[in-house]
Amino acid sequence: LNLIDDLGEMFIQGLAGIIITLIYSQLLSALSNEATNIIAGILLYHGGNFKNVRQGVRQIS
């Protein structure tokens, strides 16, 4: 009986672990997507500014 109880408990803990892992991975992927969008936006914005700076430097020199 103890063995079955232990197995049941391990199963439940395993299930809980899997569910938590799934939730975390969903959260992390959502966060990383947001972060990627933000970083891409910043890079694009700064990239645009960089081009202007380069053109400005060319005009000066």
PDB file of N, CA and C in Angstrom:
ATOM      1  N   LEU A   1       0.834  -1.213   0.000  1.00  0.00           N
ATOM      2  CA  LEU A   1       0.000   0.000   0.000  1.00  0.00           C
ATOM      3  C   LEU A   1       0.862   1.253   0.000  1.00  0.00           C
ATOM      4  N   ASN A   2       1.931   1.212   0.817  1.00  0.00           N
ATOM      5  CA  ASN A   2       2.825   2.376   0.862  1.00  0.00           C
ATOM      6  C   ASN A   2       3.414   2.681  -0.496  1.00  0.00           C
ATOM      7  N   LEU A   3       3.808   1.609  -1.189  1.00  0.00           N
ATOM      8  CA  LEU A   3       4.424   1.757  -2.507  1.00  0.00           C
ATOM      9  C   LEU A   3       3.467   2.493  -3.448  1.00  0.00           C
ATOM     10  N   ILE A   4       2.187   2.070  -3.424  1.00  0.00           N
ATOM     11  CA  ILE A   4       1.188   2.695  -4.300  1.00  0.00           C
ATOM     12  C   ILE A   4       1.004   4.161  -3.915  1.00  0.00           C
ATOM     13  N   ASP A   5       0.963   4.443  -2.619  1.00  0.00           N
ATOM     14  CA  ASP A   5       0.844   5.824  -2.152  1.00  0.00           C
ATOM     15  C   ASP A   5       2.026   6.652  -2.639  1.00  0.00           C
ATOM     16  N   ASP A   6       3.229   6.101  -2.476  1.00  0.00           N
ATOM     17  CA  ASP A   6       4.436   6.816  -2.907  1.00  0.00           C
ATOM     18  C   ASP A   6       4.398   7.083  -4.405  1.00  0.00           C
ATOM     19  N   LEU A   7       4.008   6.056  -5.169  1.00  0.00           N
ATOM     20  CA  LEU A   7       3.927   6.212  -6.625  1.00  0.00           C
ATOM     21  C   LEU A   7       2.896   7.276  -6.987  1.00  0.00           C
ATOM     22  N   GLY A   8       1.762   7.233  -6.311  1.00  0.00           N
ATOM     23  CA  GLY A   8       0.704   8.219  -6.556  1.00  0.00           C
ATOM     24  C   GLY A   8       1.204   9.626  -6.272  1.00  0.00           C
ATOM     25  N   GLU A   9       1.926   9.771  -5.150  1.00  0.00           N
ATOM     26  CA  GLU A   9       2.452  11.074  -4.769  1.00  0.00           C
ATOM     27  C   GLU A   9       3.493  11.549  -5.785  1.00  0.00           C
ATOM     28  N   MET A  10       4.370  10.626  -6.198  1.00  0.00           N
ATOM     29  CA  MET A  10       5.388  10.962  -7.196  1.00  0.00           C
ATOM     30  C   MET A  10       4.722  11.389  -8.490  1.00  0.00           C
ATOM     31  N   PHE A  11       3.662  10.668  -8.870  1.00  0.00           N
ATOM     32  CA  PHE A  11       2.939  10.974 -10.099  1.00  0.00           C
ATOM     33  C   PHE A  11       2.336  12.373 -10.036  1.00  0.00           C
ATOM     34  N   ILE A  12       1.689  12.659  -8.884  1.00  0.00           N
ATOM     35  CA  ILE A  12       1.055  13.971  -8.702  1.00  0.00           C
ATOM     36  C   ILE A  12       2.117  15.074  -8.719  1.00  0.00           C
ATOM     37  N   GLN A  13       3.235  14.842  -8.034  1.00  0.00           N
ATOM     38  CA  GLN A  13       4.318  15.829  -8.020  1.00  0.00           C
ATOM     39  C   GLN A  13       4.882  16.020  -9.427  1.00  0.00           C
ATOM     40  N   GLY A  14       5.026  14.922 -10.136  1.00  0.00           N
ATOM     41  CA  GLY A  14       5.527  14.984 -11.514  1.00  0.00           C
ATOM     42  C   GLY A  14       4.584  15.776 -12.395  1.00  0.00           C
ATOM     43  N   LEU A  15       3.305  15.508 -12.238  1.00  0.00           N
ATOM     44  CA  LEU A  15       2.278  16.209 -13.003  1.00  0.00           C
ATOM     45  C   LEU A  15       2.310  17.699 -12.686  1.00  0.00           C
ATOM     46  N   ALA A  16       2.391  18.010 -11.402  1.00  0.00           N
ATOM     47  CA  ALA A  16       2.455  19.411 -10.975  1.00  0.00           C
ATOM     48  C   ALA A  16       3.706  20.069 -11.563  1.00  0.00           C
ATOM     49  N   GLY A  17       4.808  19.343 -11.530  1.00  0.00           N
ATOM     50  CA  GLY A  17       6.057  19.856 -12.089  1.00  0.00           C
ATOM     51  C   GLY A  17       5.935  20.153 -13.570  1.00  0.00           C
ATOM     52  N   ILE A  18       5.299  19.237 -14.284  1.00  0.00           N
ATOM     53  CA  ILE A  18       5.108  19.418 -15.734  1.00  0.00           C
ATOM     54  C   ILE A  18       4.228  20.635 -16.001  1.00  0.00           C
ATOM     55  N   ILE A  19       3.132  20.753 -15.245  1.00  0.00           N
ATOM     56  CA  ILE A  19       2.207  21.881 -15.430  1.00  0.00           C
ATOM     57  C   ILE A  19       2.920  23.197 -15.150  1.00  0.00           C
ATOM     58  N   ILE A  20       3.670  23.227 -14.037  1.00  0.00           N
ATOM     59  CA  ILE A  20       4.412  24.444 -13.678  1.00  0.00           C
ATOM     60  C   ILE A  20       5.430  24.779 -14.765  1.00  0.00           C
ATOM     61  N   THR A  21       6.120  23.762 -15.248  1.00  0.00           N
ATOM     62  CA  THR A  21       7.123  23.969 -16.304  1.00  0.00           C
ATOM     63  C   THR A  21       6.468  24.529 -17.557  1.00  0.00           C
ATOM     64  N   LEU A  22       5.298  23.971 -17.929  1.00  0.00           N
ATOM     65  CA  LEU A  22       4.580  24.457 -19.107  1.00  0.00           C
ATOM     66  C   LEU A  22       4.183  25.917 -18.932  1.00  0.00           C
ATOM     67  N   ILE A  23       3.645  26.239 -17.752  1.00  0.00           N
ATOM     68  CA  ILE A  23       3.227  27.620 -17.480  1.00  0.00           C
ATOM     69  C   ILE A  23       4.436  28.546 -17.563  1.00  0.00           C
ATOM     70  N   TYR A  24       5.527  28.129 -16.912  1.00  0.00           N
ATOM     71  CA  TYR A  24       6.742  28.946 -16.935  1.00  0.00           C
ATOM     72  C   TYR A  24       7.255  29.144 -18.353  1.00  0.00           C
ATOM     73  N   SER A  25       7.275  28.069 -19.145  1.00  0.00           N
ATOM     74  CA  SER A  25       7.795  28.192 -20.508  1.00  0.00           C
ATOM     75  C   SER A  25       6.901  29.102 -21.340  1.00  0.00           C
ATOM     76  N   GLN A  26       5.587  29.032 -21.102  1.00  0.00           N
ATOM     77  CA  GLN A  26       4.662  29.927 -21.807  1.00  0.00           C
ATOM     78  C   GLN A  26       4.963  31.373 -21.424  1.00  0.00           C
ATOM     79  N   LEU A  27       5.132  31.610 -20.120  1.00  0.00           N
ATOM     80  CA  LEU A  27       5.437  32.953 -19.627  1.00  0.00           C
ATOM     81  C   LEU A  27       6.753  33.443 -20.196  1.00  0.00           C
ATOM     82  N   LEU A  28       7.760  32.572 -20.141  1.00  0.00           N
ATOM     83  CA  LEU A  28       9.080  32.947 -20.628  1.00  0.00           C
ATOM     84  C   LEU A  28       9.057  33.255 -22.114  1.00  0.00           C
ATOM     85  N   SER A  29       8.364  32.438 -22.897  1.00  0.00           N
ATOM     86  CA  SER A  29       8.323  32.680 -24.346  1.00  0.00           C
ATOM     87  C   SER A  29       7.559  33.970 -24.628  1.00  0.00           C
ATOM     88  N   ALA A  30       6.497  34.226 -23.855  1.00  0.00           N
ATOM     89  CA  ALA A  30       5.754  35.480 -24.034  1.00  0.00           C
ATOM     90  C   ALA A  30       6.655  36.660 -23.698  1.00  0.00           C
ATOM     91  N   LEU A  31       7.390  36.540 -22.589  1.00  0.00           N
ATOM     92  CA  LEU A  31       8.307  37.602 -22.176  1.00  0.00           C
ATOM     93  C   LEU A  31       9.414  37.790 -23.198  1.00  0.00           C
ATOM     94  N   SER A  32       9.982  36.680 -23.675  1.00  0.00           N
ATOM     95  CA  SER A  32      11.089  36.795 -24.624  1.00  0.00           C
ATOM     96  C   SER A  32      10.598  37.368 -25.951  1.00  0.00           C
ATOM     97  N   ASN A  33       9.334  37.050 -26.331  1.00  0.00           N
ATOM     98  CA  ASN A  33       8.764  37.646 -27.546  1.00  0.00           C
ATOM     99  C   ASN A  33       8.643  39.145 -27.370  1.00  0.00           C
ATOM    100  N   GLU A  34       8.143  39.562 -26.194  1.00  0.00           N
ATOM    101  CA  GLU A  34       8.020  40.991 -25.899  1.00  0.00           C
ATOM    102  C   GLU A  34       9.395  41.639 -25.942  1.00  0.00           C
ATOM    103  N   ALA A  35      10.349  41.004 -25.266  1.00  0.00           N
ATOM    104  CA  ALA A  35      11.711  41.541 -25.197  1.00  0.00           C
ATOM    105  C   ALA A  35      12.307  41.643 -26.600  1.00  0.00           C
ATOM    106  N   THR A  36      12.087  40.612 -27.407  1.00  0.00           N
ATOM    107  CA  THR A  36      12.617  40.605 -28.777  1.00  0.00           C
ATOM    108  C   THR A  36      12.021  41.763 -29.568  1.00  0.00           C
ATOM    109  N   ASN A  37      10.699  41.953 -29.422  1.00  0.00           N
ATOM    110  CA  ASN A  37      10.036  43.056 -30.131  1.00  0.00           C
ATOM    111  C   ASN A  37      10.599  44.392 -29.689  1.00  0.00           C
ATOM    112  N   ILE A  38      10.764  44.554 -28.377  1.00  0.00           N
ATOM    113  CA  ILE A  38      11.280  45.810 -27.833  1.00  0.00           C
ATOM    114  C   ILE A  38      12.701  46.045 -28.329  1.00  0.00           C
ATOM    115  N   ILE A  39      13.550  45.012 -28.224  1.00  0.00           N
ATOM    116  CA  ILE A  39      14.950  45.138 -28.644  1.00  0.00           C
ATOM    117  C   ILE A  39      15.013  45.430 -30.144  1.00  0.00           C
ATOM    118  N   ALA A  40      14.204  44.715 -30.917  1.00  0.00           N
ATOM    119  CA  ALA A  40      14.176  44.934 -32.369  1.00  0.00           C
ATOM    120  C   ALA A  40      13.763  46.372 -32.664  1.00  0.00           C
ATOM    121  N   GLY A  41      12.761  46.858 -31.947  1.00  0.00           N
ATOM    122  CA  GLY A  41      12.297  48.234 -32.119  1.00  0.00           C
ATOM    123  C   GLY A  41      13.403  49.226 -31.807  1.00  0.00           C
ATOM    124  N   ILE A  42      14.102  48.994 -30.692  1.00  0.00           N
ATOM    125  CA  ILE A  42      15.200  49.879 -30.292  1.00  0.00           C
ATOM    126  C   ILE A  42      16.301  49.846 -31.340  1.00  0.00           C
ATOM    127  N   LEU A  43      16.659  48.638 -31.782  1.00  0.00           N
ATOM    128  CA  LEU A  43      17.727  48.495 -32.777  1.00  0.00           C
ATOM    129  C   LEU A  43      17.342  49.175 -34.085  1.00  0.00           C
ATOM    130  N   LEU A  44      16.088  48.989 -34.514  1.00  0.00           N
ATOM    131  CA  LEU A  44      15.628  49.614 -35.753  1.00  0.00           C
ATOM    132  C   LEU A  44      15.674  51.130 -35.612  1.00  0.00           C
ATOM    133  N   TYR A  45      15.205  51.599 -34.458  1.00  0.00           N
ATOM    134  CA  TYR A  45      15.177  53.048 -34.216  1.00  0.00           C
ATOM    135  C   TYR A  45      16.588  53.616 -34.238  1.00  0.00           C
ATOM    136  N   HIS A  46      17.474  52.941 -33.481  1.00  0.00           N
ATOM    137  CA  HIS A  46      18.863  53.400 -33.421  1.00  0.00           C
ATOM    138  C   HIS A  46      19.570  53.178 -34.754  1.00  0.00           C
ATOM    139  N   GLY A  47      19.197  52.100 -35.453  1.00  0.00           N
ATOM    140  CA  GLY A  47      19.761  51.826 -36.767  1.00  0.00           C
ATOM    141  C   GLY A  47      19.439  52.977 -37.711  1.00  0.00           C
ATOM    142  N   GLY A  48      18.189  53.456 -37.662  1.00  0.00           N
ATOM    143  CA  GLY A  48      17.780  54.588 -38.479  1.00  0.00           C
ATOM    144  C   GLY A  48      18.603  55.820 -38.124  1.00  0.00           C
ATOM    145  N   ASN A  49      18.798  56.025 -36.819  1.00  0.00           N
ATOM    146  CA  ASN A  49      19.599  57.165 -36.377  1.00  0.00           C
ATOM    147  C   ASN A  49      21.045  57.017 -36.815  1.00  0.00           C
ATOM    148  N   PHE A  50      21.541  55.777 -36.757  1.00  0.00           N
ATOM    149  CA  PHE A  50      22.924  55.496 -37.159  1.00  0.00           C
ATOM    150  C   PHE A  50      23.153  55.922 -38.607  1.00  0.00           C
ATOM    151  N   LYS A  51      22.211  55.585 -39.474  1.00  0.00           N
ATOM    152  CA  LYS A  51      22.330  55.937 -40.888  1.00  0.00           C
ATOM    153  C   LYS A  51      22.430  57.447 -41.020  1.00  0.00           C
ATOM    154  N   ASN A  52      21.583  58.160 -40.280  1.00  0.00           N
ATOM    155  CA  ASN A  52      21.610  59.624 -40.327  1.00  0.00           C
ATOM    156  C   ASN A  52      22.953  60.143 -39.852  1.00  0.00           C
ATOM    157  N   VAL A  53      23.464  59.549 -38.786  1.00  0.00           N
ATOM    158  CA  VAL A  53      24.756  59.968 -38.232  1.00  0.00           C
ATOM    159  C   VAL A  53      25.847  59.741 -39.269  1.00  0.00           C
ATOM    160  N   ARG A  54      25.834  58.572 -39.919  1.00  0.00           N
ATOM    161  CA  ARG A  54      26.836  58.254 -40.938  1.00  0.00           C
ATOM    162  C   ARG A  54      26.777  59.254 -42.090  1.00  0.00           C
ATOM    163  N   GLN A  55      25.571  59.552 -42.538  1.00  0.00           N
ATOM    164  CA  GLN A  55      25.414  60.512 -43.638  1.00  0.00           C
ATOM    165  C   GLN A  55      25.940  61.879 -43.203  1.00  0.00           C
ATOM    166  N   GLY A  56      25.631  62.242 -41.958  1.00  0.00           N
ATOM    167  CA  GLY A  56      26.102  63.516 -41.415  1.00  0.00           C
ATOM    168  C   GLY A  56      27.621  63.560 -41.388  1.00  0.00           C
ATOM    169  N   VAL A  57      28.225  62.460 -40.950  1.00  0.00           N
ATOM    170  CA  VAL A  57      29.692  62.382 -40.873  1.00  0.00           C
ATOM    171  C   VAL A  57      30.283  62.508 -42.268  1.00  0.00           C
ATOM    172  N   ARG A  58      29.661  61.834 -43.249  1.00  0.00           N
ATOM    173  CA  ARG A  58      30.145  61.904 -44.638  1.00  0.00           C
ATOM    174  C   ARG A  58      30.086  63.339 -45.150  1.00  0.00           C
ATOM    175  N   GLN A  59      28.998  64.007 -44.851  1.00  0.00           N
ATOM    176  CA  GLN A  59      28.832  65.389 -45.327  1.00  0.00           C
ATOM    177  C   GLN A  59      29.892  66.299 -44.711  1.00  0.00           C
ATOM    178  N   ILE A  60      30.200  66.090 -43.423  1.00  0.00           N
ATOM    179  CA  ILE A  60      31.196  66.909 -42.726  1.00  0.00           C
ATOM    180  C   ILE A  60      32.575  66.653 -43.316  1.00  0.00           C
ATOM    181  N   SER A  61      32.919  65.378 -43.524  1.00  0.00           N
ATOM    182  CA  SER A  61      34.244  65.018 -44.053  1.00  0.00           C
ATOM    183  C   SER A  61      34.199  65.012 -45.564  1.00  0.00           C
TER     184      SER A  61
END
